Amino acid sequence: MLIGLHPALNADVLHALRAMGHGDTLVLVDTNFPADSTGRRTTYGRSLSMENVDTRDAMDAILSLFPLDSFTDDFAATMAVVGDAATVPQVHLDAKAALEAVGETRRVPAVERFAFYKLSKAAYVIIQTGERRPYGNVMLRKGIVGPDGRAG
């Protein structure tokens, strides 16, 4: 344990978060997502695990350290419900609440399933959570930390 770090953040996740640069994306995925095969195609080369937390808890932990990209509209995205893109599942509302908790108010688009898979393969890293609800998949784009130590 370390002081000031969310307990869900393990050493592998911390390493990946620190290694990422401005504009790199991480993808938080649920237990049904093909994390291993997709993770092998990412920059990091393998998927990571936060298996004991759901999407909201994983986002709270990550967003406690992770600046979101303020220079682009695609700072975050979720996976759209197959056959009903207008439906917003509770897990997406929970993700939006995690973003709002860090002051983020921009709209989060839902991306079609296979387009989301394609984007995931181009991500820096895949982090699989213990989320069992369908569509618990969220993409986050890393922003910058300015000279004053604040997200910018």
C-alpha atoms as a PDB file:
ATOM      1  CA  MET A   1       0.000   0.000   0.000  1.00  0.00           C
ATOM      2  CA  LEU A   2       1.022   3.569  -0.638  1.00  0.00           C
ATOM      3  CA  ILE A   3      -0.376   6.727   0.902  1.00  0.00           C
ATOM      4  CA  GLY A   4      -2.682   8.720  -1.347  1.00  0.00           C
ATOM      5  CA  LEU A   5      -3.239   6.032  -3.989  1.00  0.00           C
ATOM      6  CA  HIS A   6      -6.593   4.408  -4.581  1.00  0.00           C
ATOM      7  CA  PRO A   7      -6.263   0.781  -3.379  1.00  0.00           C
ATOM      8  CA  ALA A   8      -7.645  -0.590  -6.677  1.00  0.00           C
ATOM      9  CA  LEU A   9      -4.577   0.714  -8.543  1.00  0.00           C
ATOM     10  CA  ASN A  10      -2.090  -2.144  -8.778  1.00  0.00           C
ATOM     11  CA  ALA A  11       1.534  -1.862  -9.898  1.00  0.00           C
ATOM     12  CA  ASP A  12       0.846  -2.900 -13.502  1.00  0.00           C
ATOM     13  CA  VAL A  13      -1.933  -0.346 -13.926  1.00  0.00           C
ATOM     14  CA  LEU A  14       0.171   2.401 -12.332  1.00  0.00           C
ATOM     15  CA  HIS A  15       3.040   1.599 -14.700  1.00  0.00           C
ATOM     16  CA  ALA A  16       0.783   1.799 -17.755  1.00  0.00           C
ATOM     17  CA  LEU A  17      -0.855   5.058 -16.618  1.00  0.00           C
ATOM     18  CA  ARG A  18       2.568   6.644 -16.073  1.00  0.00           C
ATOM     19  CA  ALA A  19       3.988   5.354 -19.352  1.00  0.00           C
ATOM     20  CA  MET A  20       1.107   6.708 -21.436  1.00  0.00           C
ATOM     21  CA  GLY A  21       1.562  10.031 -23.192  1.00  0.00           C
ATOM     22  CA  HIS A  22      -0.764  12.815 -24.271  1.00  0.00           C
ATOM     23  CA  GLY A  23      -3.358  11.472 -26.690  1.00  0.00           C
ATOM     24  CA  ASP A  24      -2.857   7.808 -25.810  1.00  0.00           C
ATOM     25  CA  THR A  25      -6.027   5.882 -24.978  1.00  0.00           C
ATOM     26  CA  LEU A  26      -6.838   3.312 -22.358  1.00  0.00           C
ATOM     27  CA  VAL A  27      -9.864   1.087 -22.578  1.00  0.00           C
ATOM     28  CA  LEU A  28     -11.617  -0.162 -19.450  1.00  0.00           C
ATOM     29  CA  VAL A  29     -13.555  -3.303 -20.326  1.00  0.00           C
ATOM     30  CA  ASP A  30     -16.033  -5.649 -18.688  1.00  0.00           C
ATOM     31  CA  THR A  31     -15.586  -9.369 -18.052  1.00  0.00           C
ATOM     32  CA  ASN A  32     -17.157 -10.334 -21.398  1.00  0.00           C
ATOM     33  CA  PHE A  33     -14.835  -8.209 -23.553  1.00  0.00           C
ATOM     34  CA  PRO A  34     -12.147 -10.126 -25.516  1.00  0.00           C
ATOM     35  CA  ALA A  35      -9.449  -8.449 -23.409  1.00  0.00           C
ATOM     36  CA  ASP A  36      -6.645 -10.956 -23.882  1.00  0.00           C
ATOM     37  CA  SER A  37      -6.757 -11.160 -27.679  1.00  0.00           C
ATOM     38  CA  THR A  38      -7.384  -7.426 -28.067  1.00  0.00           C
ATOM     39  CA  GLY A  39      -4.771  -6.526 -25.465  1.00  0.00           C
ATOM     40  CA  ARG A  40      -2.086  -8.361 -27.449  1.00  0.00           C
ATOM     41  CA  ARG A  41      -2.630  -5.878 -30.298  1.00  0.00           C
ATOM     42  CA  THR A  42      -2.297  -2.737 -28.169  1.00  0.00           C
ATOM     43  CA  THR A  43       0.847  -0.676 -27.685  1.00  0.00           C
ATOM     44  CA  TYR A  44       1.302  -2.200 -24.213  1.00  0.00           C
ATOM     45  CA  GLY A  45       1.128  -5.681 -25.737  1.00  0.00           C
ATOM     46  CA  ARG A  46      -1.082  -7.338 -23.142  1.00  0.00           C
ATOM     47  CA  SER A  47      -4.213  -6.637 -21.169  1.00  0.00           C
ATOM     48  CA  LEU A  48      -4.098  -5.629 -17.513  1.00  0.00           C
ATOM     49  CA  SER A  49      -6.554  -6.468 -14.748  1.00  0.00           C
ATOM     50  CA  MET A  50      -8.538  -4.629 -12.105  1.00  0.00           C
ATOM     51  CA  GLU A  51     -10.688  -7.700 -11.530  1.00  0.00           C
ATOM     52  CA  ASN A  52     -12.053  -6.867  -8.085  1.00  0.00           C
ATOM     53  CA  VAL A  53     -13.800  -3.621  -9.041  1.00  0.00           C
ATOM     54  CA  ASP A  54     -16.639  -2.596 -11.327  1.00  0.00           C
ATOM     55  CA  THR A  55     -16.494   0.083 -14.015  1.00  0.00           C
ATOM     56  CA  ARG A  56     -17.354   2.969 -11.677  1.00  0.00           C
ATOM     57  CA  ASP A  57     -14.772   2.011  -9.053  1.00  0.00           C
ATOM     58  CA  ALA A  58     -12.097   1.479 -11.723  1.00  0.00           C
ATOM     59  CA  MET A  59     -12.872   4.872 -13.238  1.00  0.00           C
ATOM     60  CA  ASP A  60     -12.788   6.572  -9.834  1.00  0.00           C
ATOM     61  CA  ALA A  61      -9.376   5.022  -9.175  1.00  0.00           C
ATOM     62  CA  ILE A  62      -7.925   5.865 -12.590  1.00  0.00           C
ATOM     63  CA  LEU A  63      -9.375   9.373 -12.743  1.00  0.00           C
ATOM     64  CA  SER A  64      -7.796  10.150  -9.363  1.00  0.00           C
ATOM     65  CA  LEU A  65      -4.468  10.259 -11.272  1.00  0.00           C
ATOM     66  CA  PHE A  66      -5.301  10.406 -14.971  1.00  0.00           C
ATOM     67  CA  PRO A  67      -5.802  13.730 -16.780  1.00  0.00           C
ATOM     68  CA  LEU A  68      -8.401  13.648 -19.550  1.00  0.00           C
ATOM     69  CA  ASP A  69      -7.591  15.196 -22.918  1.00  0.00           C
ATOM     70  CA  SER A  70      -9.062  18.694 -23.039  1.00  0.00           C
ATOM     71  CA  PHE A  71      -7.891  19.363 -26.619  1.00  0.00           C
ATOM     72  CA  THR A  72     -10.272  16.948 -28.350  1.00  0.00           C
ATOM     73  CA  ASP A  73     -13.913  15.925 -28.275  1.00  0.00           C
ATOM     74  CA  ASP A  74     -13.085  12.208 -28.233  1.00  0.00           C
ATOM     75  CA  PHE A  75     -11.709  12.274 -24.680  1.00  0.00           C
ATOM     76  CA  ALA A  76     -14.025   9.397 -23.752  1.00  0.00           C
ATOM     77  CA  ALA A  77     -16.425   6.944 -25.383  1.00  0.00           C
ATOM     78  CA  THR A  78     -18.587   3.976 -24.445  1.00  0.00           C
ATOM     79  CA  MET A  79     -19.690   0.930 -26.439  1.00  0.00           C
ATOM     80  CA  ALA A  80     -23.179   1.357 -27.916  1.00  0.00           C
ATOM     81  CA  VAL A  81     -25.868  -1.218 -27.196  1.00  0.00           C
ATOM     82  CA  VAL A  82     -26.110  -3.584 -30.166  1.00  0.00           C
ATOM     83  CA  GLY A  83     -29.337  -3.033 -32.084  1.00  0.00           C
ATOM     84  CA  ASP A  84     -30.413  -0.106 -29.902  1.00  0.00           C
ATOM     85  CA  ALA A  85     -27.780   2.634 -29.913  1.00  0.00           C
ATOM     86  CA  ALA A  86     -30.221   5.065 -28.258  1.00  0.00           C
ATOM     87  CA  THR A  87     -30.369   2.976 -25.069  1.00  0.00           C
ATOM     88  CA  VAL A  88     -28.121   4.197 -22.260  1.00  0.00           C
ATOM     89  CA  PRO A  89     -27.440   1.343 -19.818  1.00  0.00           C
ATOM     90  CA  GLN A  90     -26.884   2.036 -16.124  1.00  0.00           C
ATOM     91  CA  VAL A  91     -23.189   1.191 -16.456  1.00  0.00           C
ATOM     92  CA  HIS A  92     -22.824   4.123 -18.899  1.00  0.00           C
ATOM     93  CA  LEU A  93     -24.623   6.414 -16.449  1.00  0.00           C
ATOM     94  CA  ASP A  94     -22.176   5.255 -13.766  1.00  0.00           C
ATOM     95  CA  ALA A  95     -19.243   6.044 -16.080  1.00  0.00           C
ATOM     96  CA  LYS A  96     -20.671   9.497 -16.766  1.00  0.00           C
ATOM     97  CA  ALA A  97     -21.045  10.050 -13.000  1.00  0.00           C
ATOM     98  CA  ALA A  98     -17.359   9.169 -12.518  1.00  0.00           C
ATOM     99  CA  LEU A  99     -16.440  11.724 -15.177  1.00  0.00           C
ATOM    100  CA  GLU A 100     -18.689  14.348 -13.598  1.00  0.00           C
ATOM    101  CA  ALA A 101     -17.045  13.673 -10.220  1.00  0.00           C
ATOM    102  CA  VAL A 102     -13.788  15.039 -11.684  1.00  0.00           C
ATOM    103  CA  GLY A 103     -15.524  18.020 -13.275  1.00  0.00           C
ATOM    104  CA  GLU A 104     -16.002  16.612 -16.778  1.00  0.00           C
ATOM    105  CA  THR A 105     -19.260  17.749 -18.382  1.00  0.00           C
ATOM    106  CA  ARG A 106     -18.678  17.075 -22.084  1.00  0.00           C
ATOM    107  CA  ARG A 107     -20.879  14.622 -23.965  1.00  0.00           C
ATOM    108  CA  VAL A 108     -19.599  11.035 -24.123  1.00  0.00           C
ATOM    109  CA  PRO A 109     -20.441   9.340 -27.433  1.00  0.00           C
ATOM    110  CA  ALA A 110     -21.435   5.683 -27.733  1.00  0.00           C
ATOM    111  CA  VAL A 111     -19.453   3.851 -30.427  1.00  0.00           C
ATOM    112  CA  GLU A 112     -20.807   0.898 -32.428  1.00  0.00           C
ATOM    113  CA  ARG A 113     -19.519  -2.456 -31.119  1.00  0.00           C
ATOM    114  CA  PHE A 114     -17.157  -3.427 -33.956  1.00  0.00           C
ATOM    115  CA  ALA A 115     -15.878   0.131 -34.325  1.00  0.00           C
ATOM    116  CA  PHE A 116     -15.174   0.069 -30.567  1.00  0.00           C
ATOM    117  CA  TYR A 117     -13.231  -3.198 -30.991  1.00  0.00           C
ATOM    118  CA  LYS A 118     -11.192  -1.656 -33.805  1.00  0.00           C
ATOM    119  CA  LEU A 119     -10.399   1.442 -31.731  1.00  0.00           C
ATOM    120  CA  SER A 120      -9.483  -0.797 -28.787  1.00  0.00           C
ATOM    121  CA  LYS A 121      -6.848  -2.596 -30.842  1.00  0.00           C
ATOM    122  CA  ALA A 122      -5.216   0.788 -31.511  1.00  0.00           C
ATOM    123  CA  ALA A 123      -5.284   1.782 -27.820  1.00  0.00           C
ATOM    124  CA  TYR A 124      -2.265   2.037 -25.572  1.00  0.00           C
ATOM    125  CA  VAL A 125      -3.672  -0.458 -23.066  1.00  0.00           C
ATOM    126  CA  ILE A 126      -6.739  -2.557 -22.224  1.00  0.00           C
ATOM    127  CA  ILE A 127      -7.656  -2.859 -18.537  1.00  0.00           C
ATOM    128  CA  GLN A 128     -10.229  -5.530 -17.729  1.00  0.00           C
ATOM    129  CA  THR A 129     -12.371  -4.889 -14.671  1.00  0.00           C
ATOM    130  CA  GLY A 130     -14.635  -7.229 -12.724  1.00  0.00           C
ATOM    131  CA  GLU A 131     -17.684  -5.524 -14.250  1.00  0.00           C
ATOM    132  CA  ARG A 132     -20.342  -8.126 -15.057  1.00  0.00           C
ATOM    133  CA  ARG A 133     -22.969  -5.803 -16.511  1.00  0.00           C
ATOM    134  CA  PRO A 134     -23.061  -5.757 -20.322  1.00  0.00           C
ATOM    135  CA  TYR A 135     -21.533  -2.767 -22.124  1.00  0.00           C
ATOM    136  CA  GLY A 136     -19.226  -1.872 -19.230  1.00  0.00           C
ATOM    137  CA  ASN A 137     -16.629  -0.678 -21.744  1.00  0.00           C
ATOM    138  CA  VAL A 138     -15.211   2.851 -21.617  1.00  0.00           C
ATOM    139  CA  MET A 139     -12.412   4.454 -23.607  1.00  0.00           C
ATOM    140  CA  LEU A 140     -10.419   7.333 -22.041  1.00  0.00           C
ATOM    141  CA  ARG A 141      -7.871   9.573 -23.811  1.00  0.00           C
ATOM    142  CA  LYS A 142      -4.982  10.906 -21.744  1.00  0.00           C
ATOM    143  CA  GLY A 143      -4.486  14.652 -21.455  1.00  0.00           C
ATOM    144  CA  ILE A 144      -1.586  16.645 -20.066  1.00  0.00           C
ATOM    145  CA  VAL A 145      -0.265  17.658 -16.683  1.00  0.00           C
ATOM    146  CA  GLY A 146       1.016  21.221 -16.739  1.00  0.00           C
ATOM    147  CA  PRO A 147       4.069  22.695 -15.009  1.00  0.00           C
ATOM    148  CA  ASP A 148       1.875  23.504 -12.005  1.00  0.00           C
ATOM    149  CA  GLY A 149       1.007  19.809 -11.588  1.00  0.00           C
ATOM    150  CA  ARG A 150      -2.605  20.267 -12.654  1.00  0.00           C
ATOM    151  CA  ALA A 151      -4.438  18.653 -15.540  1.00  0.00           C
ATOM    152  CA  GLY A 152      -4.609  20.926 -18.532  1.00  0.00           C
END
